[in-house]
Amino acid sequence: MKASIIKSIDVLLIVLWVYAALSKLLDYEESRRQMLNQVFPIFIANILLWAVPLSELTAAGLLCFQRTRRAGLKLSLLLLLLFTGYIGLVMLNVFGRVPCSCGGILEQMTWGQHLAFNLLFVFLLVFALFFYPRTSQTKKVGLSSGPNRPYSAADKKSGGLRPGYGQNSHEKLPRIRAPADKGNEYRSEGGAAP
């Protein structure tokens, strides 16, 4: 159940980010006009004009793949927190004026509706990140069997005998000794370097 909810959140976010980015990029002149009407200095507005849609597309792209989905959720949360914080500052009249809102369908929303919309997505993202399955990138040592498993305490007790090693299932393992006098060579009981 949680997995299907998280997948639904991923799909909603991908649609949101792709729509938001494409509405800015496809109607570049309108996006530019709206960005320059924001409270930022012109040089920052010019940077944000490209940085915002590229960040949105990056978040959508990260959400498309299992390996990068957690990073996509985190980037999405960061973007939404920044956008929500900005909306809160506008609503508190910190900037002395209310700039125009975003483009696309979000343009039809009031600042209060936009804030509620963003807070809903922030809640969904926190839920998704909290319940997103964590996968270990490292394998647990000592749980494998066969000749490639790590040398364990049980192997020490049996005198270095491991079932499944070599052709003979009870073949004794070569022991590695400390380096020879001045060289960096290691010697085994067989006399040859491993």
Protein backbone atom coordinates (compact mmCIF):
# COMPACT_ATOMS: atom_id res chain seq x y z
CA MET A 1 0.00 0.00 0.00
CA LYS A 2 2.74 2.46 0.99
CA ALA A 3 4.72 1.57 -2.14
CA SER A 4 1.77 2.42 -4.40
CA ILE A 5 1.21 5.72 -2.57
CA ILE A 6 4.89 6.61 -2.96
CA LYS A 7 4.75 5.70 -6.67
CA SER A 8 1.70 7.94 -7.06
CA ILE A 9 3.55 10.80 -5.36
CA ASP A 10 6.51 10.24 -7.72
CA VAL A 11 4.21 10.42 -10.75
CA LEU A 12 2.48 13.56 -9.45
CA LEU A 13 5.84 15.23 -8.90
CA ILE A 14 7.14 14.26 -12.33
CA VAL A 15 4.01 15.73 -13.94
CA LEU A 16 4.27 18.87 -11.78
CA TRP A 17 7.96 19.48 -12.53
CA VAL A 18 7.75 18.73 -16.25
CA TYR A 19 4.66 20.92 -16.64
CA ALA A 20 6.17 23.79 -14.64
CA ALA A 21 9.50 23.65 -16.50
CA LEU A 22 7.98 23.33 -19.97
CA SER A 23 5.51 26.16 -19.35
CA LYS A 24 8.48 28.38 -18.51
CA LEU A 25 10.68 27.24 -21.39
CA LEU A 26 8.03 27.14 -24.12
CA ASP A 27 6.73 30.62 -23.29
CA TYR A 28 10.15 32.10 -22.67
CA GLU A 29 9.19 35.77 -23.18
CA GLU A 30 6.31 35.58 -20.71
CA SER A 31 8.51 33.71 -18.20
CA ARG A 32 11.20 36.34 -18.60
CA ARG A 33 8.71 39.15 -18.08
CA GLN A 34 7.33 37.48 -14.95
CA MET A 35 10.79 36.71 -13.55
CA LEU A 36 11.96 40.29 -14.09
CA ASN A 37 8.81 41.47 -12.26
CA GLN A 38 9.87 39.53 -9.15
CA VAL A 39 11.69 41.25 -6.30
CA PHE A 40 15.13 39.91 -7.26
CA PRO A 41 17.89 42.05 -8.80
CA ILE A 42 18.00 41.68 -12.60
CA PHE A 43 21.19 39.60 -12.66
CA ILE A 44 19.67 37.10 -10.20
CA ALA A 45 16.40 37.04 -12.15
CA ASN A 46 18.34 36.22 -15.33
CA ILE A 47 20.08 33.33 -13.58
CA LEU A 48 16.81 32.05 -12.07
CA LEU A 49 15.14 32.25 -15.48
CA TRP A 50 17.20 29.20 -16.51
CA ALA A 51 18.08 27.68 -13.12
CA VAL A 52 14.48 27.16 -12.00
CA PRO A 53 13.23 25.17 -15.02
CA LEU A 54 16.49 23.21 -15.24
CA SER A 55 16.20 22.32 -11.53
CA GLU A 56 12.60 21.25 -12.08
CA LEU A 57 13.57 19.04 -15.04
CA THR A 58 16.47 17.61 -13.04
CA ALA A 59 14.11 16.71 -10.20
CA ALA A 60 11.70 15.07 -12.67
CA GLY A 61 14.55 13.13 -14.28
CA LEU A 62 15.87 11.90 -10.93
CA LEU A 63 12.38 10.70 -9.99
CA CYS A 64 12.20 8.53 -13.12
CA PHE A 65 14.87 6.05 -12.03
CA GLN A 66 14.93 3.78 -9.00
CA ARG A 67 18.59 4.49 -8.24
CA THR A 68 18.09 8.27 -8.13
CA ARG A 69 14.53 8.45 -6.83
CA ARG A 70 15.51 9.36 -3.25
CA ALA A 71 17.72 12.19 -4.57
CA GLY A 72 14.80 13.34 -6.72
CA LEU A 73 12.51 13.38 -3.70
CA LYS A 74 15.07 15.40 -1.73
CA LEU A 75 15.59 17.89 -4.57
CA SER A 76 11.82 18.20 -4.96
CA LEU A 77 11.44 18.91 -1.26
CA LEU A 78 14.19 21.54 -1.39
CA LEU A 79 12.60 23.28 -4.39
CA LEU A 80 9.13 23.25 -2.83
CA LEU A 81 10.45 24.58 0.48
CA LEU A 82 12.20 27.43 -1.36
CA PHE A 83 9.10 28.24 -3.41
CA THR A 84 6.86 27.99 -0.32
CA GLY A 85 9.19 30.22 1.69
CA TYR A 86 9.15 32.81 -1.09
CA ILE A 87 5.33 32.71 -1.23
CA GLY A 88 5.20 33.15 2.55
CA LEU A 89 7.46 36.19 2.34
CA VAL A 90 5.30 37.69 -0.43
CA MET A 91 2.14 37.09 1.62
CA LEU A 92 3.75 38.73 4.66
CA ASN A 93 4.47 41.76 2.42
CA VAL A 94 8.19 41.58 3.22
CA PHE A 95 9.06 42.95 -0.22
CA GLY A 96 6.62 45.88 -0.12
CA ARG A 97 4.72 44.70 -3.19
CA VAL A 98 3.10 41.58 -4.55
CA PRO A 99 4.76 40.40 -7.77
CA CYS A 100 2.87 38.41 -10.37
CA SER A 101 2.52 34.69 -9.77
CA CYS A 102 3.87 31.74 -11.75
CA GLY A 103 2.85 30.90 -15.28
CA GLY A 104 0.64 28.11 -16.54
CA ILE A 105 -2.31 26.79 -14.58
CA LEU A 106 -0.74 28.00 -11.33
CA GLU A 107 -1.17 31.56 -12.58
CA GLN A 108 -4.91 31.23 -11.92
CA MET A 109 -4.28 30.61 -8.21
CA THR A 110 -4.16 33.28 -5.55
CA TRP A 111 -1.04 33.45 -3.39
CA GLY A 112 -2.96 31.73 -0.57
CA GLN A 113 -4.07 28.89 -2.86
CA HIS A 114 -0.54 28.57 -4.18
CA LEU A 115 0.77 28.35 -0.62
CA ALA A 116 -1.77 25.61 0.23
CA PHE A 117 -0.89 23.75 -2.99
CA ASN A 118 2.83 23.85 -2.14
CA LEU A 119 2.25 22.81 1.47
CA LEU A 120 0.23 19.81 0.27
CA PHE A 121 3.16 18.72 -1.91
CA VAL A 122 5.62 19.35 0.95
CA PHE A 123 3.49 17.05 3.14
CA LEU A 124 3.40 14.39 0.40
CA LEU A 125 7.17 14.61 -0.03
CA VAL A 126 7.86 14.27 3.69
CA PHE A 127 5.57 11.22 3.72
CA ALA A 128 7.34 9.71 0.69
CA LEU A 129 10.82 10.31 2.11
CA PHE A 130 9.84 8.92 5.52
CA PHE A 131 8.38 5.72 4.10
CA TYR A 132 10.68 5.31 1.10
CA PRO A 133 12.48 1.95 1.43
CA ARG A 134 16.11 2.28 2.33
CA THR A 135 18.42 0.03 0.34
CA SER A 136 21.86 -0.86 1.62
CA GLN A 137 24.67 -0.12 -0.79
CA THR A 138 27.03 -2.52 0.99
CA LYS A 139 26.65 -6.27 1.30
CA LYS A 140 26.65 -7.77 4.76
CA VAL A 141 29.85 -9.66 5.52
CA GLY A 142 29.74 -13.24 6.68
CA LEU A 143 26.33 -14.23 5.32
CA SER A 144 27.52 -15.74 2.07
CA SER A 145 28.58 -19.31 1.62
CA GLY A 146 31.05 -20.96 -0.66
CA PRO A 147 34.73 -20.39 -1.36
CA ASN A 148 34.44 -16.59 -1.72
CA ARG A 149 32.94 -15.90 1.68
CA PRO A 150 35.07 -14.10 4.27
CA TYR A 151 37.28 -16.09 6.63
CA SER A 152 35.32 -16.41 9.87
CA ALA A 153 35.82 -17.45 13.49
CA ALA A 154 34.29 -20.85 12.65
CA ASP A 155 37.00 -21.32 10.02
CA LYS A 156 39.68 -20.65 12.65
CA LYS A 157 38.20 -23.33 14.93
CA SER A 158 38.18 -25.87 12.13
CA GLY A 159 41.83 -25.19 11.31
CA GLY A 160 41.16 -23.28 8.13
CA LEU A 161 38.98 -25.92 6.51
CA ARG A 162 36.03 -24.67 4.54
CA PRO A 163 33.49 -26.81 2.77
CA GLY A 164 33.29 -26.00 -0.92
CA TYR A 165 36.84 -24.68 -1.23
CA GLY A 166 38.64 -26.00 -4.30
CA GLN A 167 38.00 -29.50 -5.65
CA ASN A 168 38.37 -31.15 -2.29
CA SER A 169 35.69 -29.83 0.06
CA HIS A 170 38.10 -30.02 3.02
CA GLU A 171 41.19 -28.53 1.38
CA LYS A 172 43.27 -26.45 3.80
CA LEU A 173 43.42 -22.72 3.02
CA PRO A 174 46.84 -21.14 2.54
CA ARG A 175 47.76 -18.82 5.40
CA ILE A 176 49.15 -15.38 4.60
CA ARG A 177 52.13 -14.26 6.66
CA ALA A 178 53.52 -10.84 7.39
CA PRO A 179 55.67 -9.14 4.72
CA ALA A 180 59.18 -10.46 4.13
CA ASP A 181 62.05 -8.50 5.69
CA LYS A 182 62.46 -5.38 3.57
CA GLY A 183 60.31 -6.10 0.53
CA ASN A 184 56.61 -5.63 0.12
CA GLU A 185 56.05 -9.25 -0.89
CA TYR A 186 53.73 -11.48 1.08
CA ARG A 187 54.53 -15.13 1.34
CA SER A 188 52.14 -17.99 1.86
CA GLU A 189 52.91 -21.45 3.20
CA GLY A 190 53.17 -22.69 -0.35
CA GLY A 191 56.16 -20.38 -0.89
CA ALA A 192 54.70 -18.37 -3.76
CA ALA A 193 53.14 -14.95 -3.43
CA PRO A 194 49.34 -15.11 -3.56
